[in-house]
Each structure stands twice: as structure tokens, then as C-alpha cells.
Amino acid sequence: MKKIFKTLKNLLDINNSEEKEIKQTSQNIPILKGEIFEIRMPKFHNENFKGKVVEHFFNIGEIIQTGDLIAEIETEKATLEFEAAYGGKIIWICELDKELNINDTIIKIHGI
């Protein structure tokens, strides 16, 4: 067991003095302190569509948690509430009413 952890530590190149704190979300997605994550426009169903963010529920500088409703997304067919997949501090938000494609960045968060 020690050999596995030592190998993992070597693979990740983490020194004892520079270890990053790892937090787990309710979905077991590892969040590294100090890392930046992008939450992107999801693909709803099997359609290739454009959508836009019509409302943000948080502002830059605020802390979000996994599962928080972060935005309302409007498509041709529906208006949907979008949940955060990660928790952290919001450092960037896309413009409201700007047309977005699948995988365009909606929000950037900083792991805390």
C-alpha cells in the first residue's frame, strides 16, 4: 500500500512542503486548491444548438458550492436552470444574452 501512495506521489510530483489540499464534492470530483476550473455550456439532449445565459445567480468574487444554481440558460426550446459541477470562488462570468455554443465557457471558478 505504501508503494502505491509513493508511486502516486511521484507521478503527481508533489513535495511534502508543497502539497495542495484536495477537497471532494458530493459528486466525488476532486477540487484542487488554487486551480482554475471552467464551467461550460452543456449539451442538452442530442441536439447541436445555441443558447444564452439570461440570468446569473452569483457575482464575481462570490463563493459557490457544488449543486448551487449558477445560471439560467435559454435555448430555442426551453429555459433551464444550470447547477455548478464544482465549488469555489467565481473569477469570471460570461456576458448576459451573449449567444453561446456547446462547450463555451459560462463561468470560471478558483478552487479554494
N, C-alpha and C. Protein backbone atom coordinates (compact mmCIF):
# COMPACT_ATOMS: atom_id res chain seq x y z
N MET A 1 0.82 -1.19 0.00
CA MET A 1 0.00 0.00 0.00
C MET A 1 0.87 1.26 0.00
N LYS A 2 1.94 1.27 0.82
CA LYS A 2 2.84 2.43 0.85
C LYS A 2 3.46 2.66 -0.51
N LYS A 3 3.77 1.58 -1.22
CA LYS A 3 4.40 1.69 -2.53
C LYS A 3 3.45 2.38 -3.52
N ILE A 4 2.17 2.07 -3.44
CA ILE A 4 1.18 2.69 -4.32
C ILE A 4 1.12 4.20 -4.07
N PHE A 5 1.05 4.60 -2.80
CA PHE A 5 0.98 6.03 -2.48
C PHE A 5 2.27 6.74 -2.88
N LYS A 6 3.42 6.10 -2.67
CA LYS A 6 4.69 6.69 -3.05
C LYS A 6 4.76 6.88 -4.56
N THR A 7 4.32 5.87 -5.30
CA THR A 7 4.30 5.96 -6.76
C THR A 7 3.37 7.07 -7.22
N LEU A 8 2.18 7.12 -6.63
CA LEU A 8 1.22 8.17 -6.97
C LEU A 8 1.79 9.54 -6.67
N LYS A 9 2.42 9.68 -5.52
CA LYS A 9 3.02 10.96 -5.14
C LYS A 9 4.11 11.36 -6.13
N ASN A 10 4.92 10.39 -6.55
CA ASN A 10 5.97 10.68 -7.53
C ASN A 10 5.37 11.06 -8.88
N LEU A 11 4.31 10.37 -9.28
CA LEU A 11 3.67 10.67 -10.55
C LEU A 11 3.10 12.08 -10.57
N LEU A 12 2.54 12.49 -9.46
CA LEU A 12 1.95 13.82 -9.35
C LEU A 12 2.99 14.90 -9.06
N ASP A 13 4.23 14.45 -8.72
CA ASP A 13 5.32 15.37 -8.44
C ASP A 13 4.93 16.36 -7.35
N ILE A 14 4.45 15.82 -6.24
CA ILE A 14 4.05 16.67 -5.12
C ILE A 14 5.08 16.51 -4.01
N ASN A 15 5.68 17.61 -3.57
CA ASN A 15 6.61 17.60 -2.45
C ASN A 15 5.83 17.73 -1.16
N ASN A 16 6.39 17.22 -0.08
CA ASN A 16 5.71 17.33 1.22
C ASN A 16 5.41 18.77 1.57
N SER A 17 6.31 19.69 1.27
CA SER A 17 6.12 21.09 1.64
C SER A 17 5.19 21.83 0.69
N GLU A 18 4.90 21.23 -0.46
CA GLU A 18 4.08 21.92 -1.45
C GLU A 18 2.78 21.20 -1.77
N GLU A 19 2.33 20.31 -0.89
CA GLU A 19 1.11 19.57 -1.17
C GLU A 19 -0.07 20.51 -1.26
N LYS A 20 -0.94 20.23 -2.22
CA LYS A 20 -2.16 21.01 -2.37
C LYS A 20 -3.28 20.28 -1.65
N GLU A 21 -4.14 21.04 -1.02
CA GLU A 21 -5.27 20.46 -0.32
C GLU A 21 -6.29 19.97 -1.35
N ILE A 22 -6.75 18.75 -1.17
CA ILE A 22 -7.75 18.20 -2.09
C ILE A 22 -9.07 18.13 -1.35
N LYS A 23 -10.11 18.68 -1.98
CA LYS A 23 -11.45 18.61 -1.42
C LYS A 23 -12.29 17.74 -2.32
N GLN A 24 -13.29 17.10 -1.78
CA GLN A 24 -14.19 16.26 -2.56
C GLN A 24 -15.57 16.90 -2.56
N THR A 25 -16.20 16.90 -3.72
CA THR A 25 -17.56 17.40 -3.82
C THR A 25 -18.51 16.23 -3.59
N SER A 26 -19.78 16.51 -3.56
CA SER A 26 -20.76 15.45 -3.37
C SER A 26 -20.77 14.49 -4.55
N GLN A 27 -20.22 14.92 -5.70
CA GLN A 27 -20.16 14.07 -6.87
C GLN A 27 -18.80 13.40 -6.98
N ASN A 28 -17.96 13.52 -5.94
CA ASN A 28 -16.62 12.95 -5.92
C ASN A 28 -15.73 13.47 -7.04
N ILE A 29 -15.87 14.72 -7.40
CA ILE A 29 -14.99 15.35 -8.37
C ILE A 29 -13.91 16.07 -7.56
N PRO A 30 -12.63 15.70 -7.73
CA PRO A 30 -11.60 16.35 -6.93
C PRO A 30 -11.43 17.82 -7.30
N ILE A 31 -11.34 18.65 -6.28
CA ILE A 31 -11.13 20.07 -6.47
C ILE A 31 -9.78 20.39 -5.83
N LEU A 32 -8.85 20.90 -6.62
CA LEU A 32 -7.54 21.26 -6.10
C LEU A 32 -7.52 22.73 -5.71
N LYS A 33 -7.07 22.98 -4.51
CA LYS A 33 -6.95 24.36 -4.05
C LYS A 33 -5.99 25.10 -4.98
N GLY A 34 -6.40 26.28 -5.45
CA GLY A 34 -5.55 27.09 -6.30
C GLY A 34 -5.72 26.85 -7.79
N GLU A 35 -6.45 25.82 -8.17
CA GLU A 35 -6.66 25.53 -9.59
C GLU A 35 -7.84 26.34 -10.11
N ILE A 36 -7.87 26.58 -11.42
CA ILE A 36 -8.98 27.29 -12.05
C ILE A 36 -9.77 26.30 -12.89
N PHE A 37 -11.08 26.31 -12.73
CA PHE A 37 -11.97 25.42 -13.46
C PHE A 37 -12.94 26.24 -14.30
N GLU A 38 -13.25 25.73 -15.46
CA GLU A 38 -14.23 26.38 -16.33
C GLU A 38 -15.51 25.55 -16.34
N ILE A 39 -16.62 26.19 -16.09
CA ILE A 39 -17.91 25.53 -16.23
C ILE A 39 -18.44 25.93 -17.59
N ARG A 40 -18.73 24.94 -18.41
CA ARG A 40 -19.04 25.18 -19.82
C ARG A 40 -20.50 24.91 -20.16
N MET A 41 -20.90 25.49 -21.30
CA MET A 41 -22.25 25.30 -21.81
C MET A 41 -22.46 23.81 -22.07
N PRO A 42 -23.48 23.23 -21.44
CA PRO A 42 -23.72 21.80 -21.62
C PRO A 42 -24.40 21.47 -22.94
N LYS A 43 -24.36 20.20 -23.28
CA LYS A 43 -25.09 19.71 -24.45
C LYS A 43 -26.36 19.07 -23.91
N PHE A 44 -27.48 19.68 -24.23
CA PHE A 44 -28.77 19.16 -23.80
C PHE A 44 -29.30 18.24 -24.88
N HIS A 45 -29.69 17.06 -24.51
CA HIS A 45 -30.20 16.05 -25.44
C HIS A 45 -29.12 15.73 -26.48
N ASN A 46 -29.48 15.41 -27.69
CA ASN A 46 -28.52 15.10 -28.74
C ASN A 46 -28.49 16.16 -29.82
N GLU A 47 -28.93 17.33 -29.47
CA GLU A 47 -29.03 18.40 -30.47
C GLU A 47 -27.84 19.35 -30.38
N ASN A 48 -27.45 19.88 -31.51
CA ASN A 48 -26.42 20.90 -31.56
C ASN A 48 -27.12 22.24 -31.66
N PHE A 49 -27.13 22.99 -30.60
CA PHE A 49 -27.90 24.23 -30.56
C PHE A 49 -27.08 25.35 -29.97
N LYS A 50 -27.61 26.53 -30.05
CA LYS A 50 -27.03 27.69 -29.39
C LYS A 50 -27.97 28.09 -28.27
N GLY A 51 -27.40 28.65 -27.25
CA GLY A 51 -28.18 29.13 -26.13
C GLY A 51 -27.54 30.39 -25.59
N LYS A 52 -28.17 30.96 -24.58
CA LYS A 52 -27.59 32.15 -23.96
C LYS A 52 -27.94 32.16 -22.48
N VAL A 53 -27.04 32.75 -21.71
CA VAL A 53 -27.27 32.90 -20.28
C VAL A 53 -28.10 34.16 -20.11
N VAL A 54 -29.28 34.00 -19.53
CA VAL A 54 -30.18 35.15 -19.35
C VAL A 54 -30.16 35.69 -17.92
N GLU A 55 -29.59 34.91 -16.99
CA GLU A 55 -29.50 35.38 -15.60
C GLU A 55 -28.39 34.64 -14.89
N HIS A 56 -27.59 35.41 -14.11
CA HIS A 56 -26.58 34.83 -13.21
C HIS A 56 -27.15 34.90 -11.80
N PHE A 57 -26.94 33.85 -11.01
CA PHE A 57 -27.41 33.86 -9.63
C PHE A 57 -26.30 34.23 -8.64
N PHE A 58 -25.06 34.40 -9.14
CA PHE A 58 -23.92 34.77 -8.32
C PHE A 58 -23.13 35.84 -9.06
N ASN A 59 -22.28 36.56 -8.33
CA ASN A 59 -21.43 37.59 -8.91
C ASN A 59 -19.96 37.21 -8.77
N ILE A 60 -19.10 37.89 -9.52
CA ILE A 60 -17.67 37.68 -9.40
C ILE A 60 -17.25 37.94 -7.96
N GLY A 61 -16.41 37.04 -7.43
CA GLY A 61 -15.94 37.16 -6.05
C GLY A 61 -16.73 36.35 -5.05
N GLU A 62 -17.92 35.90 -5.44
CA GLU A 62 -18.73 35.10 -4.52
C GLU A 62 -18.30 33.63 -4.57
N ILE A 63 -18.59 32.92 -3.49
CA ILE A 63 -18.25 31.50 -3.36
C ILE A 63 -19.47 30.66 -3.74
N ILE A 64 -19.26 29.66 -4.60
CA ILE A 64 -20.33 28.73 -4.94
C ILE A 64 -19.96 27.34 -4.46
N GLN A 65 -20.96 26.51 -4.30
CA GLN A 65 -20.76 25.13 -3.87
C GLN A 65 -21.34 24.21 -4.94
N THR A 66 -20.86 22.99 -4.97
CA THR A 66 -21.39 22.01 -5.90
C THR A 66 -22.90 21.91 -5.71
N GLY A 67 -23.63 21.97 -6.81
CA GLY A 67 -25.08 21.86 -6.77
C GLY A 67 -25.81 23.19 -6.71
N ASP A 68 -25.09 24.30 -6.45
CA ASP A 68 -25.74 25.61 -6.45
C ASP A 68 -26.25 25.94 -7.85
N LEU A 69 -27.40 26.58 -7.91
CA LEU A 69 -27.89 27.08 -9.19
C LEU A 69 -27.07 28.31 -9.52
N ILE A 70 -26.39 28.28 -10.68
CA ILE A 70 -25.48 29.38 -11.00
C ILE A 70 -25.97 30.26 -12.14
N ALA A 71 -26.81 29.70 -13.00
CA ALA A 71 -27.26 30.49 -14.16
C ALA A 71 -28.55 29.93 -14.71
N GLU A 72 -29.23 30.78 -15.45
CA GLU A 72 -30.42 30.37 -16.19
C GLU A 72 -30.05 30.46 -17.67
N ILE A 73 -30.21 29.34 -18.38
CA ILE A 73 -29.83 29.25 -19.78
C ILE A 73 -31.08 29.13 -20.64
N GLU A 74 -31.16 29.97 -21.66
CA GLU A 74 -32.31 29.95 -22.57
C GLU A 74 -31.87 29.37 -23.91
N THR A 75 -32.66 28.40 -24.41
CA THR A 75 -32.43 27.83 -25.73
C THR A 75 -33.68 28.09 -26.56
N GLU A 76 -33.69 27.59 -27.78
CA GLU A 76 -34.88 27.76 -28.63
C GLU A 76 -36.10 27.08 -28.03
N LYS A 77 -35.87 25.98 -27.31
CA LYS A 77 -36.98 25.17 -26.82
C LYS A 77 -37.35 25.39 -25.37
N ALA A 78 -36.41 25.86 -24.54
CA ALA A 78 -36.70 25.94 -23.10
C ALA A 78 -35.74 26.89 -22.40
N THR A 79 -36.12 27.25 -21.18
CA THR A 79 -35.23 27.97 -20.28
C THR A 79 -34.93 27.04 -19.13
N LEU A 80 -33.63 26.81 -18.88
CA LEU A 80 -33.19 25.82 -17.90
C LEU A 80 -32.31 26.44 -16.84
N GLU A 81 -32.41 25.93 -15.62
CA GLU A 81 -31.51 26.35 -14.55
C GLU A 81 -30.29 25.43 -14.60
N PHE A 82 -29.10 26.00 -14.41
CA PHE A 82 -27.86 25.27 -14.54
C PHE A 82 -27.15 25.21 -13.19
N GLU A 83 -26.76 24.00 -12.76
CA GLU A 83 -26.09 23.80 -11.47
C GLU A 83 -24.58 23.74 -11.63
N ALA A 84 -23.88 24.16 -10.58
CA ALA A 84 -22.42 24.10 -10.57
C ALA A 84 -21.95 22.66 -10.36
N ALA A 85 -20.99 22.25 -11.16
CA ALA A 85 -20.38 20.93 -11.02
C ALA A 85 -19.22 20.98 -10.03
N TYR A 86 -18.70 22.18 -9.76
CA TYR A 86 -17.58 22.39 -8.85
C TYR A 86 -17.92 23.49 -7.87
N GLY A 87 -17.21 23.53 -6.78
CA GLY A 87 -17.34 24.62 -5.83
C GLY A 87 -16.09 25.46 -5.83
N GLY A 88 -16.20 26.74 -5.52
CA GLY A 88 -15.05 27.63 -5.46
C GLY A 88 -15.47 29.08 -5.56
N LYS A 89 -14.50 29.95 -5.80
CA LYS A 89 -14.74 31.39 -5.90
C LYS A 89 -14.86 31.77 -7.38
N ILE A 90 -15.92 32.48 -7.73
CA ILE A 90 -16.14 32.90 -9.11
C ILE A 90 -15.15 34.00 -9.46
N ILE A 91 -14.41 33.79 -10.58
CA ILE A 91 -13.43 34.80 -11.00
C ILE A 91 -13.77 35.39 -12.38
N TRP A 92 -14.72 34.78 -13.10
CA TRP A 92 -15.13 35.30 -14.41
C TRP A 92 -16.52 34.77 -14.74
N ILE A 93 -17.35 35.62 -15.35
CA ILE A 93 -18.70 35.23 -15.77
C ILE A 93 -18.91 35.73 -17.20
N CYS A 94 -19.53 34.91 -18.03
CA CYS A 94 -19.81 35.33 -19.42
C CYS A 94 -20.86 36.45 -19.42
N GLU A 95 -20.91 37.15 -20.52
CA GLU A 95 -21.87 38.24 -20.67
C GLU A 95 -23.29 37.67 -20.74
N LEU A 96 -24.24 38.41 -20.20
CA LEU A 96 -25.65 38.02 -20.33
C LEU A 96 -26.10 38.21 -21.77
N ASP A 97 -26.98 37.34 -22.22
CA ASP A 97 -27.61 37.39 -23.53
C ASP A 97 -26.63 37.22 -24.70
N LYS A 98 -25.42 36.78 -24.42
CA LYS A 98 -24.46 36.50 -25.50
C LYS A 98 -24.71 35.07 -25.98
N GLU A 99 -24.80 34.89 -27.30
CA GLU A 99 -25.06 33.57 -27.86
C GLU A 99 -23.86 32.66 -27.61
N LEU A 100 -24.12 31.48 -27.05
CA LEU A 100 -23.07 30.52 -26.71
C LEU A 100 -23.30 29.20 -27.42
N ASN A 101 -22.21 28.56 -27.79
CA ASN A 101 -22.26 27.22 -28.37
C ASN A 101 -21.94 26.20 -27.29
N ILE A 102 -22.17 24.94 -27.59
CA ILE A 102 -21.81 23.87 -26.67
C ILE A 102 -20.32 23.97 -26.36
N ASN A 103 -19.96 23.81 -25.11
CA ASN A 103 -18.59 23.86 -24.57
C ASN A 103 -18.02 25.27 -24.43
N ASP A 104 -18.76 26.32 -24.76
CA ASP A 104 -18.29 27.67 -24.47
C ASP A 104 -18.30 27.87 -22.96
N THR A 105 -17.36 28.64 -22.45
CA THR A 105 -17.25 28.86 -21.01
C THR A 105 -18.35 29.78 -20.52
N ILE A 106 -19.02 29.34 -19.43
CA ILE A 106 -20.06 30.14 -18.79
C ILE A 106 -19.47 30.88 -17.59
N ILE A 107 -18.74 30.14 -16.75
CA ILE A 107 -18.16 30.69 -15.52
C ILE A 107 -16.80 30.05 -15.27
N LYS A 108 -15.86 30.84 -14.74
CA LYS A 108 -14.57 30.30 -14.29
C LYS A 108 -14.53 30.43 -12.77
N ILE A 109 -14.10 29.35 -12.12
CA ILE A 109 -14.00 29.40 -10.66
C ILE A 109 -12.59 29.02 -10.23
N HIS A 110 -12.22 29.53 -9.08
CA HIS A 110 -10.91 29.27 -8.48
C HIS A 110 -11.14 28.32 -7.31
N GLY A 111 -10.46 27.18 -7.32
CA GLY A 111 -10.60 26.20 -6.23
C GLY A 111 -10.09 26.77 -4.93
N ILE A 112 -10.87 26.62 -3.88
CA ILE A 112 -10.47 27.15 -2.56
C ILE A 112 -10.45 26.04 -1.53
